[in-house]
Amino acid sequence: MDLLRLDAVDADDLAILAAHCQDAVLRIDDLQYLPAEQRFVLAMNRFVWEKAGGHSRFSLFRRQEYERRQAVLSFARVRAVQRHGIDPAATDQVLSLLTMQFAPGDAPSGWIELVFAGGSAIRLDVECVEARLADLGPAWSTAARPDHDKPDR
């Protein structure tokens, strides 16, 4: 099993994590802020982009298969959390993570912004960038590949 484990300690590292987490899906109750530990944690089902290109398992009789994998993304040294367009009471609401980025403040502090489809977002006030992405177990197959080029209907 090839489990992904990545750490981020600056904006460039965070961009790499963002690429691996793009199109991850999660529910509101998969978000957890632990203020006493200064930690924010997301459990997600991430789309395995690193295996989506290259050699394909396509045939005329079978659709191409992709992978999703359960993963945890955690942020340390989080001082505060703000939510926009997210109702904490709607625990079954599904979010799709589009990207995350670092906006610097007084170095090394700043804000990490998690941007979700539909205009919702989470902003983490951090002392510095300290994030970790870890896959938790085996992948499962999916025929659905996220497509951002399709026009809205």
N, C-alpha and C. Protein backbone atom coordinates (compact mmCIF):
# COMPACT_ATOMS: atom_id res chain seq x y z
N MET A 1 0.85 -1.17 0.00
CA MET A 1 0.00 0.00 0.00
C MET A 1 0.89 1.24 0.00
N ASP A 2 0.63 2.17 -0.89
CA ASP A 2 1.44 3.38 -1.03
C ASP A 2 0.72 4.57 -0.41
N LEU A 3 0.88 4.72 0.89
CA LEU A 3 0.21 5.79 1.62
C LEU A 3 1.01 7.09 1.50
N LEU A 4 0.30 8.16 1.19
CA LEU A 4 0.92 9.47 1.05
C LEU A 4 1.02 10.13 2.43
N ARG A 5 2.19 10.70 2.74
CA ARG A 5 2.40 11.47 3.97
C ARG A 5 3.25 12.67 3.60
N LEU A 6 2.66 13.86 3.76
CA LEU A 6 3.36 15.09 3.40
C LEU A 6 3.24 16.11 4.51
N ASP A 7 4.30 16.88 4.72
CA ASP A 7 4.30 17.98 5.68
C ASP A 7 4.49 19.29 4.93
N ALA A 8 3.91 20.36 5.47
CA ALA A 8 4.09 21.70 4.89
C ALA A 8 4.54 22.65 5.99
N VAL A 9 5.59 23.43 5.69
CA VAL A 9 6.10 24.41 6.65
C VAL A 9 6.21 25.81 6.04
N ASP A 10 5.77 25.96 4.78
CA ASP A 10 5.75 27.28 4.16
C ASP A 10 4.70 27.30 3.06
N ALA A 11 4.53 28.44 2.41
CA ALA A 11 3.49 28.59 1.39
C ALA A 11 3.71 27.66 0.20
N ASP A 12 4.96 27.44 -0.19
CA ASP A 12 5.24 26.54 -1.31
C ASP A 12 4.84 25.10 -0.98
N ASP A 13 5.19 24.67 0.22
CA ASP A 13 4.79 23.32 0.66
C ASP A 13 3.26 23.21 0.71
N LEU A 14 2.60 24.25 1.19
CA LEU A 14 1.14 24.23 1.29
C LEU A 14 0.50 24.09 -0.09
N ALA A 15 1.11 24.70 -1.10
CA ALA A 15 0.61 24.57 -2.47
C ALA A 15 0.67 23.12 -2.95
N ILE A 16 1.69 22.39 -2.53
CA ILE A 16 1.80 20.97 -2.88
C ILE A 16 0.69 20.19 -2.18
N LEU A 17 0.45 20.47 -0.91
CA LEU A 17 -0.65 19.81 -0.20
C LEU A 17 -1.98 20.11 -0.89
N ALA A 18 -2.16 21.37 -1.30
CA ALA A 18 -3.40 21.78 -1.96
C ALA A 18 -3.64 20.97 -3.23
N ALA A 19 -2.59 20.73 -3.99
CA ALA A 19 -2.73 19.94 -5.22
C ALA A 19 -3.18 18.51 -4.92
N HIS A 20 -2.68 17.94 -3.84
CA HIS A 20 -3.06 16.58 -3.47
C HIS A 20 -4.45 16.52 -2.84
N CYS A 21 -4.93 17.63 -2.31
CA CYS A 21 -6.24 17.66 -1.66
C CYS A 21 -7.35 18.21 -2.54
N GLN A 22 -7.00 18.71 -3.73
CA GLN A 22 -8.02 19.30 -4.60
C GLN A 22 -9.11 18.26 -4.88
N ASP A 23 -10.36 18.69 -4.74
CA ASP A 23 -11.54 17.88 -4.98
C ASP A 23 -11.79 16.82 -3.92
N ALA A 24 -11.13 16.95 -2.77
CA ALA A 24 -11.46 16.08 -1.65
C ALA A 24 -12.87 16.42 -1.18
N VAL A 25 -13.61 15.41 -0.76
CA VAL A 25 -14.96 15.63 -0.25
C VAL A 25 -15.01 15.25 1.23
N LEU A 26 -15.80 16.03 1.96
CA LEU A 26 -15.94 15.81 3.39
C LEU A 26 -17.28 16.37 3.85
N ARG A 27 -17.70 15.95 5.03
CA ARG A 27 -18.93 16.49 5.62
C ARG A 27 -18.55 17.50 6.70
N ILE A 28 -19.50 18.34 7.03
CA ILE A 28 -19.28 19.37 8.06
C ILE A 28 -18.78 18.73 9.35
N ASP A 29 -19.34 17.59 9.72
CA ASP A 29 -18.91 16.98 10.99
C ASP A 29 -17.54 16.31 10.89
N ASP A 30 -16.90 16.36 9.71
CA ASP A 30 -15.52 15.89 9.56
C ASP A 30 -14.50 17.00 9.85
N LEU A 31 -15.00 18.20 10.19
CA LEU A 31 -14.15 19.34 10.54
C LEU A 31 -14.07 19.43 12.05
N GLN A 32 -12.89 19.61 12.60
CA GLN A 32 -12.76 19.69 14.05
C GLN A 32 -11.70 20.71 14.43
N TYR A 33 -12.11 21.68 15.24
CA TYR A 33 -11.17 22.66 15.79
C TYR A 33 -10.94 22.32 17.25
N LEU A 34 -9.69 22.15 17.64
CA LEU A 34 -9.31 21.83 19.01
C LEU A 34 -8.52 23.01 19.56
N PRO A 35 -9.21 24.02 20.09
CA PRO A 35 -8.52 25.25 20.51
C PRO A 35 -7.48 25.03 21.60
N ALA A 36 -7.71 24.12 22.54
CA ALA A 36 -6.73 23.88 23.60
C ALA A 36 -5.42 23.34 23.04
N GLU A 37 -5.51 22.62 21.90
CA GLU A 37 -4.31 22.07 21.26
C GLU A 37 -3.83 22.95 20.11
N GLN A 38 -4.55 24.01 19.82
CA GLN A 38 -4.28 24.88 18.67
C GLN A 38 -4.16 24.06 17.39
N ARG A 39 -5.14 23.19 17.18
CA ARG A 39 -5.13 22.27 16.03
C ARG A 39 -6.48 22.30 15.33
N PHE A 40 -6.42 22.26 13.98
CA PHE A 40 -7.62 22.14 13.15
C PHE A 40 -7.44 20.91 12.28
N VAL A 41 -8.45 20.03 12.25
CA VAL A 41 -8.33 18.74 11.57
C VAL A 41 -9.51 18.52 10.63
N LEU A 42 -9.21 18.01 9.44
CA LEU A 42 -10.23 17.62 8.46
C LEU A 42 -10.01 16.16 8.09
N ALA A 43 -11.05 15.35 8.22
CA ALA A 43 -11.03 14.00 7.68
C ALA A 43 -11.71 14.09 6.32
N MET A 44 -11.13 13.47 5.30
CA MET A 44 -11.66 13.64 3.95
C MET A 44 -11.47 12.39 3.12
N ASN A 45 -12.21 12.36 2.02
CA ASN A 45 -11.99 11.37 0.98
C ASN A 45 -11.35 12.13 -0.18
N ARG A 46 -10.06 11.96 -0.34
CA ARG A 46 -9.36 12.74 -1.36
C ARG A 46 -9.31 11.98 -2.68
N PHE A 47 -9.40 12.73 -3.77
CA PHE A 47 -9.23 12.17 -5.10
C PHE A 47 -7.73 12.01 -5.31
N VAL A 48 -7.29 10.86 -5.77
CA VAL A 48 -5.87 10.56 -5.91
C VAL A 48 -5.39 11.08 -7.27
N TRP A 49 -5.12 12.38 -7.32
CA TRP A 49 -4.69 13.02 -8.56
C TRP A 49 -3.36 12.48 -9.05
N GLU A 50 -2.49 12.07 -8.14
CA GLU A 50 -1.17 11.61 -8.57
C GLU A 50 -1.24 10.32 -9.38
N LYS A 51 -2.38 9.64 -9.38
CA LYS A 51 -2.55 8.43 -10.20
C LYS A 51 -3.59 8.63 -11.31
N ALA A 52 -4.13 9.82 -11.45
CA ALA A 52 -5.20 10.06 -12.42
C ALA A 52 -4.70 10.23 -13.84
N GLY A 53 -3.44 10.58 -14.02
CA GLY A 53 -2.89 10.75 -15.36
C GLY A 53 -2.08 9.53 -15.74
N GLY A 54 -1.27 9.68 -16.74
CA GLY A 54 -0.35 8.61 -17.13
C GLY A 54 -1.08 7.40 -17.68
N HIS A 55 -0.60 6.22 -17.27
CA HIS A 55 -1.18 4.98 -17.80
C HIS A 55 -2.61 4.82 -17.27
N SER A 56 -3.50 4.50 -18.17
CA SER A 56 -4.89 4.40 -17.82
C SER A 56 -5.34 2.95 -17.87
N ARG A 57 -6.36 2.66 -17.11
CA ARG A 57 -6.95 1.32 -17.12
C ARG A 57 -8.22 1.34 -17.96
N PHE A 58 -8.15 1.93 -19.14
CA PHE A 58 -9.31 2.09 -20.01
C PHE A 58 -9.34 0.97 -21.04
N SER A 59 -10.53 0.48 -21.30
CA SER A 59 -10.72 -0.44 -22.41
C SER A 59 -12.06 -0.10 -23.05
N LEU A 60 -12.33 -0.66 -24.20
CA LEU A 60 -13.60 -0.40 -24.87
C LEU A 60 -14.78 -0.97 -24.09
N PHE A 61 -14.53 -1.92 -23.22
CA PHE A 61 -15.60 -2.58 -22.48
C PHE A 61 -15.72 -2.10 -21.03
N ARG A 62 -14.84 -1.22 -20.63
CA ARG A 62 -14.84 -0.77 -19.24
C ARG A 62 -14.43 0.69 -19.18
N ARG A 63 -15.10 1.45 -18.34
CA ARG A 63 -14.73 2.85 -18.18
C ARG A 63 -13.42 2.98 -17.43
N GLN A 64 -12.75 4.11 -17.63
CA GLN A 64 -11.51 4.37 -16.90
C GLN A 64 -11.81 4.45 -15.41
N GLU A 65 -10.94 3.91 -14.61
CA GLU A 65 -11.12 3.92 -13.17
C GLU A 65 -10.10 4.86 -12.52
N TYR A 66 -10.56 5.55 -11.51
CA TYR A 66 -9.72 6.44 -10.72
C TYR A 66 -9.78 5.97 -9.28
N GLU A 67 -9.09 6.70 -8.39
CA GLU A 67 -9.06 6.28 -6.99
C GLU A 67 -9.42 7.43 -6.06
N ARG A 68 -10.02 7.08 -4.96
CA ARG A 68 -10.18 7.95 -3.80
C ARG A 68 -9.59 7.22 -2.61
N ARG A 69 -9.20 8.01 -1.63
CA ARG A 69 -8.56 7.44 -0.45
C ARG A 69 -8.91 8.30 0.76
N GLN A 70 -9.18 7.66 1.89
CA GLN A 70 -9.45 8.41 3.11
C GLN A 70 -8.14 9.00 3.63
N ALA A 71 -8.19 10.27 4.03
CA ALA A 71 -7.00 10.97 4.49
C ALA A 71 -7.38 11.96 5.58
N VAL A 72 -6.36 12.41 6.31
CA VAL A 72 -6.53 13.44 7.33
C VAL A 72 -5.57 14.57 7.02
N LEU A 73 -6.10 15.79 7.07
CA LEU A 73 -5.31 16.99 6.90
C LEU A 73 -5.37 17.74 8.22
N SER A 74 -4.22 18.03 8.82
CA SER A 74 -4.22 18.72 10.11
C SER A 74 -3.31 19.94 10.06
N PHE A 75 -3.72 20.95 10.79
CA PHE A 75 -2.98 22.20 10.89
C PHE A 75 -2.67 22.45 12.36
N ALA A 76 -1.41 22.77 12.66
CA ALA A 76 -0.98 23.07 14.02
C ALA A 76 -0.82 24.58 14.17
N ARG A 77 -0.74 25.04 15.43
CA ARG A 77 -0.53 26.45 15.77
C ARG A 77 -1.64 27.36 15.25
N VAL A 78 -2.87 26.84 15.33
CA VAL A 78 -4.05 27.59 14.88
C VAL A 78 -4.59 28.39 16.06
N ARG A 79 -4.64 29.72 15.88
CA ARG A 79 -5.11 30.61 16.95
C ARG A 79 -6.61 30.85 16.90
N ALA A 80 -7.19 30.83 15.71
CA ALA A 80 -8.63 31.09 15.57
C ALA A 80 -9.10 30.53 14.23
N VAL A 81 -10.40 30.27 14.14
CA VAL A 81 -11.01 29.74 12.92
C VAL A 81 -12.24 30.57 12.59
N GLN A 82 -12.35 30.96 11.32
CA GLN A 82 -13.54 31.66 10.83
C GLN A 82 -14.13 30.82 9.71
N ARG A 83 -15.48 30.77 9.66
CA ARG A 83 -16.17 30.03 8.61
C ARG A 83 -17.04 30.99 7.82
N HIS A 84 -17.09 30.79 6.52
CA HIS A 84 -17.94 31.59 5.65
C HIS A 84 -18.79 30.64 4.80
N GLY A 85 -20.11 30.77 4.90
CA GLY A 85 -21.01 29.94 4.10
C GLY A 85 -21.09 28.50 4.55
N ILE A 86 -20.70 28.23 5.78
CA ILE A 86 -20.75 26.88 6.33
C ILE A 86 -21.59 26.91 7.60
N ASP A 87 -22.66 26.13 7.61
CA ASP A 87 -23.53 26.03 8.77
C ASP A 87 -23.09 24.84 9.61
N PRO A 88 -22.50 25.06 10.79
CA PRO A 88 -22.02 23.95 11.61
C PRO A 88 -23.13 22.97 12.01
N ALA A 89 -24.38 23.41 11.99
CA ALA A 89 -25.49 22.53 12.35
C ALA A 89 -25.86 21.58 11.21
N ALA A 90 -25.48 21.90 9.99
CA ALA A 90 -25.80 21.05 8.82
C ALA A 90 -24.73 19.97 8.68
N THR A 91 -24.69 19.05 9.63
CA THR A 91 -23.60 18.07 9.72
C THR A 91 -23.53 17.12 8.54
N ASP A 92 -24.62 16.95 7.79
CA ASP A 92 -24.59 16.06 6.63
C ASP A 92 -24.22 16.77 5.34
N GLN A 93 -24.05 18.09 5.40
CA GLN A 93 -23.68 18.84 4.20
C GLN A 93 -22.31 18.38 3.71
N VAL A 94 -22.19 18.17 2.41
CA VAL A 94 -20.93 17.72 1.82
C VAL A 94 -20.21 18.92 1.22
N LEU A 95 -18.92 19.03 1.55
CA LEU A 95 -18.06 20.08 1.02
C LEU A 95 -17.06 19.47 0.06
N SER A 96 -16.72 20.21 -0.98
CA SER A 96 -15.68 19.80 -1.92
C SER A 96 -14.57 20.84 -1.87
N LEU A 97 -13.39 20.42 -1.43
CA LEU A 97 -12.25 21.33 -1.28
C LEU A 97 -11.65 21.64 -2.64
N LEU A 98 -11.61 22.92 -2.98
CA LEU A 98 -11.03 23.33 -4.25
C LEU A 98 -9.54 23.64 -4.13
N THR A 99 -9.20 24.43 -3.10
CA THR A 99 -7.79 24.78 -2.92
C THR A 99 -7.56 25.28 -1.51
N MET A 100 -6.32 25.50 -1.17
CA MET A 100 -5.93 26.18 0.07
C MET A 100 -4.72 27.02 -0.24
N GLN A 101 -4.63 28.14 0.47
CA GLN A 101 -3.53 29.07 0.21
C GLN A 101 -3.16 29.80 1.49
N PHE A 102 -1.95 30.31 1.51
CA PHE A 102 -1.45 31.05 2.66
C PHE A 102 -1.41 32.53 2.33
N ALA A 103 -1.98 33.34 3.22
CA ALA A 103 -1.90 34.80 3.10
C ALA A 103 -1.04 35.28 4.27
N PRO A 104 0.15 35.83 4.00
CA PRO A 104 1.05 36.21 5.09
C PRO A 104 0.56 37.42 5.88
N GLY A 105 0.92 37.41 7.16
CA GLY A 105 0.69 38.55 8.05
C GLY A 105 2.06 38.99 8.53
N ASP A 106 2.20 39.21 9.83
CA ASP A 106 3.53 39.49 10.40
C ASP A 106 4.30 38.17 10.44
N ALA A 107 5.35 38.06 9.62
CA ALA A 107 6.08 36.80 9.46
C ALA A 107 6.48 36.22 10.81
N PRO A 108 6.30 34.95 11.00
CA PRO A 108 5.84 33.93 10.05
C PRO A 108 4.33 33.67 10.12
N SER A 109 3.58 34.49 10.83
CA SER A 109 2.15 34.25 10.98
C SER A 109 1.37 34.65 9.72
N GLY A 110 0.10 34.30 9.73
CA GLY A 110 -0.76 34.65 8.61
C GLY A 110 -2.05 33.87 8.67
N TRP A 111 -2.65 33.65 7.52
CA TRP A 111 -3.93 32.97 7.43
C TRP A 111 -3.85 31.89 6.36
N ILE A 112 -4.38 30.74 6.69
CA ILE A 112 -4.53 29.68 5.71
C ILE A 112 -6.01 29.65 5.34
N GLU A 113 -6.29 29.80 4.06
CA GLU A 113 -7.66 29.81 3.58
C GLU A 113 -7.96 28.52 2.84
N LEU A 114 -9.01 27.84 3.29
CA LEU A 114 -9.50 26.63 2.64
C LEU A 114 -10.73 27.04 1.85
N VAL A 115 -10.69 26.88 0.54
CA VAL A 115 -11.77 27.33 -0.33
C VAL A 115 -12.52 26.11 -0.85
N PHE A 116 -13.84 26.13 -0.67
CA PHE A 116 -14.69 25.02 -1.08
C PHE A 116 -15.60 25.43 -2.24
N ALA A 117 -16.07 24.44 -2.99
CA ALA A 117 -17.02 24.69 -4.08
C ALA A 117 -18.27 25.33 -3.49
N GLY A 118 -18.91 26.19 -4.27
CA GLY A 118 -20.14 26.84 -3.82
C GLY A 118 -19.91 28.12 -3.05
N GLY A 119 -18.67 28.56 -2.92
CA GLY A 119 -18.39 29.83 -2.28
C GLY A 119 -18.16 29.78 -0.79
N SER A 120 -18.13 28.61 -0.18
CA SER A 120 -17.85 28.55 1.25
C SER A 120 -16.34 28.47 1.48
N ALA A 121 -15.92 28.86 2.68
CA ALA A 121 -14.49 28.89 2.99
C ALA A 121 -14.26 28.82 4.49
N ILE A 122 -13.06 28.44 4.85
CA ILE A 122 -12.60 28.45 6.24
C ILE A 122 -11.27 29.18 6.24
N ARG A 123 -11.13 30.06 7.23
CA ARG A 123 -9.89 30.83 7.37
C ARG A 123 -9.28 30.51 8.72
N LEU A 124 -8.03 30.04 8.69
CA LEU A 124 -7.30 29.69 9.90
C LEU A 124 -6.27 30.78 10.19
N ASP A 125 -6.35 31.36 11.37
CA ASP A 125 -5.34 32.32 11.83
C ASP A 125 -4.23 31.49 12.47
N VAL A 126 -3.04 31.48 11.83
CA VAL A 126 -1.96 30.60 12.27
C VAL A 126 -0.72 31.39 12.68
N GLU A 127 0.01 30.84 13.64
CA GLU A 127 1.30 31.41 14.04
C GLU A 127 2.32 31.25 12.93
N CYS A 128 2.21 30.14 12.19
CA CYS A 128 3.08 29.82 11.06
C CYS A 128 2.44 28.66 10.31
N VAL A 129 2.96 28.35 9.14
CA VAL A 129 2.46 27.20 8.38
C VAL A 129 3.05 25.93 8.99
N GLU A 130 2.17 25.07 9.45
CA GLU A 130 2.58 23.76 9.96
C GLU A 130 1.41 22.81 9.71
N ALA A 131 1.47 22.11 8.59
CA ALA A 131 0.36 21.24 8.18
C ALA A 131 0.88 19.86 7.83
N ARG A 132 -0.01 18.88 7.93
CA ARG A 132 0.34 17.49 7.59
C ARG A 132 -0.84 16.82 6.91
N LEU A 133 -0.56 16.13 5.80
CA LEU A 133 -1.53 15.32 5.09
C LEU A 133 -1.10 13.87 5.21
N ALA A 134 -2.02 13.00 5.64
CA ALA A 134 -1.69 11.59 5.79
C ALA A 134 -2.85 10.73 5.31
N ASP A 135 -2.55 9.81 4.38
CA ASP A 135 -3.53 8.82 3.96
C ASP A 135 -3.70 7.82 5.09
N LEU A 136 -4.94 7.31 5.22
CA LEU A 136 -5.23 6.42 6.34
C LEU A 136 -5.36 4.95 5.96
N GLY A 137 -5.65 4.66 4.73
CA GLY A 137 -5.85 3.26 4.38
C GLY A 137 -5.90 3.05 2.89
N PRO A 138 -6.40 1.88 2.50
CA PRO A 138 -6.39 1.53 1.08
C PRO A 138 -7.32 2.42 0.26
N ALA A 139 -7.01 2.49 -1.03
CA ALA A 139 -7.82 3.27 -1.97
C ALA A 139 -9.00 2.43 -2.44
N TRP A 140 -10.01 3.12 -2.94
CA TRP A 140 -11.12 2.43 -3.59
C TRP A 140 -11.32 3.06 -4.96
N SER A 141 -11.91 2.29 -5.82
CA SER A 141 -12.06 2.67 -7.21
C SER A 141 -13.29 3.55 -7.41
N THR A 142 -13.18 4.51 -8.32
CA THR A 142 -14.30 5.35 -8.72
C THR A 142 -14.18 5.63 -10.21
N ALA A 143 -15.31 5.70 -10.88
CA ALA A 143 -15.31 6.02 -12.31
C ALA A 143 -15.41 7.53 -12.52
N ALA A 144 -15.74 8.26 -11.46
CA ALA A 144 -15.96 9.71 -11.57
C ALA A 144 -14.66 10.47 -11.34
N ARG A 145 -14.33 11.31 -12.32
CA ARG A 145 -13.17 12.18 -12.20
C ARG A 145 -13.67 13.62 -12.13
N PRO A 146 -13.26 14.40 -11.13
CA PRO A 146 -13.69 15.80 -11.07
C PRO A 146 -13.33 16.53 -12.35
N ASP A 147 -14.26 17.36 -12.82
CA ASP A 147 -14.06 18.09 -14.06
C ASP A 147 -14.48 19.53 -13.85
N HIS A 148 -13.53 20.43 -13.81
CA HIS A 148 -13.80 21.84 -13.57
C HIS A 148 -14.09 22.60 -14.85
N ASP A 149 -13.97 21.93 -16.01
CA ASP A 149 -14.19 22.60 -17.28
C ASP A 149 -15.64 22.50 -17.76
N LYS A 150 -16.46 21.69 -17.09
CA LYS A 150 -17.86 21.54 -17.50
C LYS A 150 -18.62 22.82 -17.12
N PRO A 151 -19.42 23.34 -18.04
CA PRO A 151 -20.23 24.51 -17.70
C PRO A 151 -21.35 24.14 -16.75
N ASP A 152 -21.72 25.08 -15.88
CA ASP A 152 -22.84 24.85 -14.96
C ASP A 152 -24.12 24.74 -15.74
N ARG A 153 -24.99 23.89 -15.28
CA ARG A 153 -26.28 23.72 -15.95
C ARG A 153 -27.38 24.27 -15.13
